[in-house]
Amino acid sequence: MSRFKLTLEYDGTFFSGWQRQEDGINTIQGTLEDVFADFIGEPITIWGSGRTDAGVHAKGQVAHIDISKPYTPFAIQGALNKRLRDFPISILKVEAVPDDFHARFSTTSRAYEYRILNRRSPLALEKNRAWWVIPSLSSKAMNDAAAFLIGHHDFTSFRDSQCQAASPLKTLDFLSIKKEGELFLIKAQARSFLHHQVRNMVGTLKLVGEGTWPPDKVKEILEARDRRVAGPTAPPEGLYLTEIRYD
């Protein structure tokens, strides 16, 4: 049995998230497992570094598989991409890894980016790939607010009610907002995140950026440990899983 690490990208617009569903609904994991089964002629389980929600995209998702047949990484990548031509999924890299590597449990850091297009005109090319926000945003105010979130905190105020994490305590290593013309690019990095944490932080930062709240309101929200006092959950189409890091 050989273990392989896969790095992949996908457009999550028409998928119901990463995790395979029992009712056969369209998912990334389900699609990949079906493609693998067609390739090697037997059922297989693919293990992802983490779940992404419906509509969320990935530029650097990581997964691993165990295969009993003697395939090379080159052969696996070619066979999968050939079978994925009708799906917005691409296998970027396949690598042989030790048996103790695990796509999820070996992870040391995860990085996300969130894209906001701040303009009056509706989106055409970026539809389903960014959050369209009309009110003018201030990147300085958003960065001032983001500074309160960096570090080790109880992130209950930014935690989804359905989150299954054992604790709301997380360490946010990096959070920044960069403005490039009409594009606001929000980048976040941590060892792990709570369910909807990034989208909930973005929803709050958006309210700061448009002047609804001052930057120091975020400190008050964080300390309240109450999801009801924070901003709305930003829509999924602006979120991208960009990188999974390992030792």
Protein backbone atom coordinates (compact mmCIF):
# COMPACT_ATOMS: atom_id res chain seq x y z
CA MET A 1 0.00 0.00 0.00
CA SER A 2 1.40 3.39 -1.03
CA ARG A 3 0.29 6.79 0.27
CA PHE A 4 0.10 9.85 -1.95
CA LYS A 5 -0.42 13.53 -1.17
CA LEU A 6 -2.58 15.50 -3.59
CA THR A 7 -2.64 19.28 -3.96
CA LEU A 8 -5.68 20.56 -5.82
CA GLU A 9 -7.70 23.60 -6.74
CA TYR A 10 -11.42 23.90 -7.39
CA ASP A 11 -14.27 26.27 -8.02
CA GLY A 12 -16.78 25.51 -5.28
CA THR A 13 -19.70 27.35 -6.89
CA PHE A 14 -21.64 24.29 -7.98
CA PHE A 15 -20.59 21.94 -5.17
CA SER A 16 -22.24 21.40 -1.79
CA GLY A 17 -18.91 21.64 -0.03
CA TRP A 18 -16.01 19.23 0.41
CA GLN A 19 -17.50 16.38 2.42
CA ARG A 20 -19.24 13.46 0.70
CA GLN A 21 -22.95 13.30 1.53
CA GLU A 22 -24.94 10.13 2.06
CA ASP A 23 -27.68 11.25 -0.33
CA GLY A 24 -25.22 11.47 -3.22
CA ILE A 25 -25.32 15.27 -3.44
CA ASN A 26 -22.56 16.88 -5.51
CA THR A 27 -19.40 17.36 -3.39
CA ILE A 28 -15.67 17.65 -3.99
CA GLN A 29 -14.76 14.56 -1.98
CA GLY A 30 -17.53 12.51 -3.58
CA THR A 31 -16.48 13.54 -7.08
CA LEU A 32 -12.83 12.69 -6.42
CA GLU A 33 -13.66 9.31 -4.89
CA ASP A 34 -15.85 8.45 -7.87
CA VAL A 35 -13.08 9.45 -10.29
CA PHE A 36 -10.51 7.43 -8.35
CA ALA A 37 -12.77 4.38 -8.34
CA ASP A 38 -13.11 4.64 -12.10
CA PHE A 39 -9.33 4.92 -12.44
CA ILE A 40 -8.17 2.07 -10.21
CA GLY A 41 -11.26 -0.14 -10.45
CA GLU A 42 -12.10 -0.27 -6.75
CA PRO A 43 -13.62 1.98 -4.07
CA ILE A 44 -11.25 4.35 -2.32
CA THR A 45 -11.39 6.92 0.48
CA ILE A 46 -9.78 10.33 0.06
CA TRP A 47 -8.83 12.25 3.22
CA GLY A 48 -8.88 16.05 3.03
CA SER A 49 -6.98 18.58 5.11
CA GLY A 50 -10.33 20.03 6.15
CA ARG A 51 -13.82 20.77 4.92
CA THR A 52 -14.85 23.72 2.82
CA ASP A 53 -18.46 24.86 2.75
CA ALA A 54 -20.77 25.03 -0.24
CA GLY A 55 -19.63 27.76 -2.61
CA VAL A 56 -16.14 28.10 -1.09
CA HIS A 57 -13.17 27.74 -3.44
CA ALA A 58 -9.65 26.34 -3.03
CA LYS A 59 -6.30 27.20 -4.55
CA GLY A 60 -4.29 24.82 -2.41
CA GLN A 61 -6.46 22.15 -0.82
CA VAL A 62 -4.54 19.02 0.22
CA ALA A 63 -5.73 15.42 0.47
CA HIS A 64 -4.17 11.98 0.73
CA ILE A 65 -5.02 8.52 -0.57
CA ASP A 66 -3.75 4.97 -0.12
CA ILE A 67 -3.40 2.87 -3.26
CA SER A 68 -2.48 -0.80 -3.38
CA LYS A 69 -1.61 -0.80 -7.08
CA PRO A 70 1.84 0.36 -8.35
CA TYR A 71 1.10 3.78 -9.86
CA THR A 72 3.53 6.69 -10.15
CA PRO A 73 2.56 10.23 -9.08
CA PHE A 74 2.76 11.29 -12.73
CA ALA A 75 0.34 8.55 -13.80
CA ILE A 76 -2.11 9.38 -11.00
CA GLN A 77 -2.15 13.08 -11.81
CA GLY A 78 -2.68 12.50 -15.52
CA ALA A 79 -5.40 9.90 -15.05
CA LEU A 80 -7.34 12.04 -12.58
CA ASN A 81 -7.15 15.27 -14.56
CA LYS A 82 -8.31 13.43 -17.67
CA ARG A 83 -11.37 12.19 -15.80
CA LEU A 84 -12.00 15.60 -14.21
CA ARG A 85 -12.24 17.52 -17.48
CA ASP A 86 -15.99 18.10 -17.00
CA PHE A 87 -15.55 19.32 -13.42
CA PRO A 88 -13.99 22.57 -12.10
CA ILE A 89 -11.36 20.59 -10.19
CA SER A 90 -7.67 20.33 -11.06
CA ILE A 91 -4.99 18.15 -9.49
CA LEU A 92 -1.96 20.44 -9.24
CA LYS A 93 0.52 18.00 -7.76
CA VAL A 94 0.79 14.37 -6.64
CA GLU A 95 3.60 13.28 -4.30
CA ALA A 96 4.52 10.00 -2.65
CA VAL A 97 4.58 10.48 1.14
CA PRO A 98 5.40 8.36 4.21
CA ASP A 99 2.66 6.22 5.73
CA ASP A 100 2.45 8.45 8.81
CA PHE A 101 1.54 11.54 6.75
CA HIS A 102 -2.09 12.60 7.19
CA ALA A 103 -3.63 15.43 5.17
CA ARG A 104 -5.58 16.67 8.19
CA PHE A 105 -3.71 15.65 11.31
CA SER A 106 -0.21 16.50 10.03
CA THR A 107 -1.22 20.08 9.25
CA THR A 108 0.71 22.85 11.00
CA SER A 109 -0.98 25.89 9.43
CA ARG A 110 -3.89 26.84 7.18
CA ALA A 111 -4.20 30.00 5.10
CA TYR A 112 -7.30 31.59 3.60
CA GLU A 113 -7.98 34.67 1.57
CA TYR A 114 -11.25 36.51 1.14
CA ARG A 115 -11.98 38.71 -1.87
CA ILE A 116 -14.26 41.76 -1.75
CA LEU A 117 -14.94 43.82 -4.87
CA ASN A 118 -15.88 47.29 -3.69
CA ARG A 119 -17.73 49.10 -6.45
CA ARG A 120 -21.15 50.27 -7.58
CA SER A 121 -21.34 48.15 -10.74
CA PRO A 122 -22.45 44.52 -10.32
CA LEU A 123 -20.02 41.70 -10.94
CA ALA A 124 -19.77 39.94 -14.28
CA LEU A 125 -16.37 38.23 -14.53
CA GLU A 126 -16.04 37.88 -10.74
CA LYS A 127 -19.59 36.69 -10.06
CA ASN A 128 -19.51 33.77 -7.58
CA ARG A 129 -15.82 34.50 -6.95
CA ALA A 130 -15.96 37.60 -4.75
CA TRP A 131 -18.31 39.49 -2.41
CA TRP A 132 -19.84 42.51 -4.12
CA VAL A 133 -19.91 45.40 -1.64
CA ILE A 134 -21.20 48.81 -2.77
CA PRO A 135 -20.51 51.20 0.19
CA SER A 136 -16.98 52.58 0.11
CA LEU A 137 -14.60 50.70 2.41
CA SER A 138 -11.54 51.93 4.32
CA SER A 139 -8.66 49.45 4.35
CA LYS A 140 -6.98 51.43 7.16
CA ALA A 141 -10.00 51.11 9.45
CA MET A 142 -10.28 47.41 8.63
CA ASN A 143 -6.60 46.79 9.37
CA ASP A 144 -6.87 48.73 12.64
CA ALA A 145 -9.78 46.49 13.61
CA ALA A 146 -8.02 43.31 12.46
CA ALA A 147 -5.14 44.01 14.86
CA PHE A 148 -7.45 43.24 17.81
CA LEU A 149 -8.07 39.73 16.46
CA ILE A 150 -4.46 38.63 15.99
CA GLY A 151 -3.13 36.36 18.74
CA HIS A 152 -4.59 33.78 21.11
CA HIS A 153 -8.23 34.49 21.97
CA ASP A 154 -11.61 33.03 22.72
CA PHE A 155 -13.29 33.45 19.32
CA THR A 156 -16.83 32.56 20.45
CA SER A 157 -18.12 35.81 18.93
CA PHE A 158 -16.92 34.59 15.51
CA ARG A 159 -17.95 30.95 15.89
CA ASP A 160 -20.87 29.36 14.06
CA SER A 161 -23.55 27.85 16.27
CA GLN A 162 -23.02 24.46 14.55
CA CYS A 163 -19.25 24.46 15.14
CA GLN A 164 -18.02 21.10 16.44
CA ALA A 165 -14.62 22.26 17.72
CA ALA A 166 -13.90 21.22 21.30
CA SER A 167 -12.83 24.75 22.29
CA PRO A 168 -13.36 28.30 21.00
CA LEU A 169 -9.75 29.15 21.86
CA LYS A 170 -7.66 29.68 18.74
CA THR A 171 -4.45 31.47 17.82
CA LEU A 172 -4.76 33.73 14.79
CA ASP A 173 -1.23 34.17 13.45
CA PHE A 174 -1.94 36.64 10.66
CA LEU A 175 -4.79 38.84 9.45
CA SER A 176 -4.39 41.68 6.97
CA ILE A 177 -6.40 43.67 4.48
CA LYS A 178 -4.82 44.93 1.27
CA LYS A 179 -6.56 47.22 -1.20
CA GLU A 180 -5.71 46.85 -4.89
CA GLY A 181 -7.95 49.20 -6.83
CA GLU A 182 -11.50 47.93 -6.33
CA LEU A 183 -10.29 44.67 -4.78
CA PHE A 184 -9.96 44.20 -1.03
CA LEU A 185 -7.90 41.08 -0.29
CA ILE A 186 -8.20 39.78 3.26
CA LYS A 187 -5.64 37.16 4.28
CA ALA A 188 -5.81 35.00 7.41
CA GLN A 189 -3.52 32.30 8.74
CA ALA A 190 -3.73 29.99 11.77
CA ARG A 191 -3.08 26.40 12.73
CA SER A 192 -6.83 25.84 12.62
CA PHE A 193 -10.05 27.83 12.45
CA LEU A 194 -13.51 27.53 13.95
CA HIS A 195 -16.44 26.86 11.63
CA HIS A 196 -17.22 30.07 9.70
CA GLN A 197 -14.58 31.98 11.71
CA VAL A 198 -13.00 33.66 8.68
CA ARG A 199 -16.35 34.58 7.11
CA ASN A 200 -17.66 35.91 10.42
CA MET A 201 -14.54 38.04 10.93
CA VAL A 202 -14.86 39.39 7.38
CA GLY A 203 -18.52 40.26 7.94
CA THR A 204 -17.51 42.27 11.00
CA LEU A 205 -14.55 43.96 9.30
CA LYS A 206 -16.82 45.00 6.43
CA LEU A 207 -19.02 46.94 8.88
CA VAL A 208 -15.92 48.65 10.24
CA GLY A 209 -14.69 49.43 6.73
CA GLU A 210 -17.93 51.13 5.75
CA GLY A 211 -18.00 53.20 8.96
CA THR A 212 -20.89 51.47 10.74
CA TRP A 213 -18.57 50.57 13.63
CA PRO A 214 -15.25 52.06 14.80
CA PRO A 215 -12.21 49.76 14.76
CA ASP A 216 -12.12 49.34 18.55
CA LYS A 217 -15.64 47.91 18.43
CA VAL A 218 -14.00 44.66 17.36
CA LYS A 219 -12.16 44.41 20.69
CA GLU A 220 -15.50 44.80 22.48
CA ILE A 221 -17.07 42.12 20.27
CA LEU A 222 -14.20 39.71 20.87
CA GLU A 223 -14.39 40.15 24.64
CA ALA A 224 -18.18 39.69 24.66
CA ARG A 225 -17.85 36.03 23.63
CA ASP A 226 -21.28 36.25 22.03
CA ARG A 227 -21.92 35.53 18.33
CA ARG A 228 -24.99 37.79 18.38
CA VAL A 229 -22.95 40.97 18.85
CA ALA A 230 -20.65 40.44 15.87
CA GLY A 231 -21.26 41.17 12.20
CA PRO A 232 -23.01 38.91 9.68
CA THR A 233 -21.42 35.88 8.06
CA ALA A 234 -19.82 36.97 4.79
CA PRO A 235 -21.05 34.98 1.76
CA PRO A 236 -19.08 31.85 0.79
CA GLU A 237 -18.19 32.87 -2.78
CA GLY A 238 -15.47 35.28 -1.65
CA LEU A 239 -13.53 32.69 0.39
CA TYR A 240 -10.56 30.67 -0.87
CA LEU A 241 -8.49 28.04 0.93
CA THR A 242 -5.06 29.03 -0.34
CA GLU A 243 -2.44 26.94 1.43
CA ILE A 244 -1.99 24.02 3.82
CA ARG A 245 1.41 23.81 5.50
CA TYR A 246 3.21 20.80 6.97
CA ASP A 247 6.50 20.31 8.79
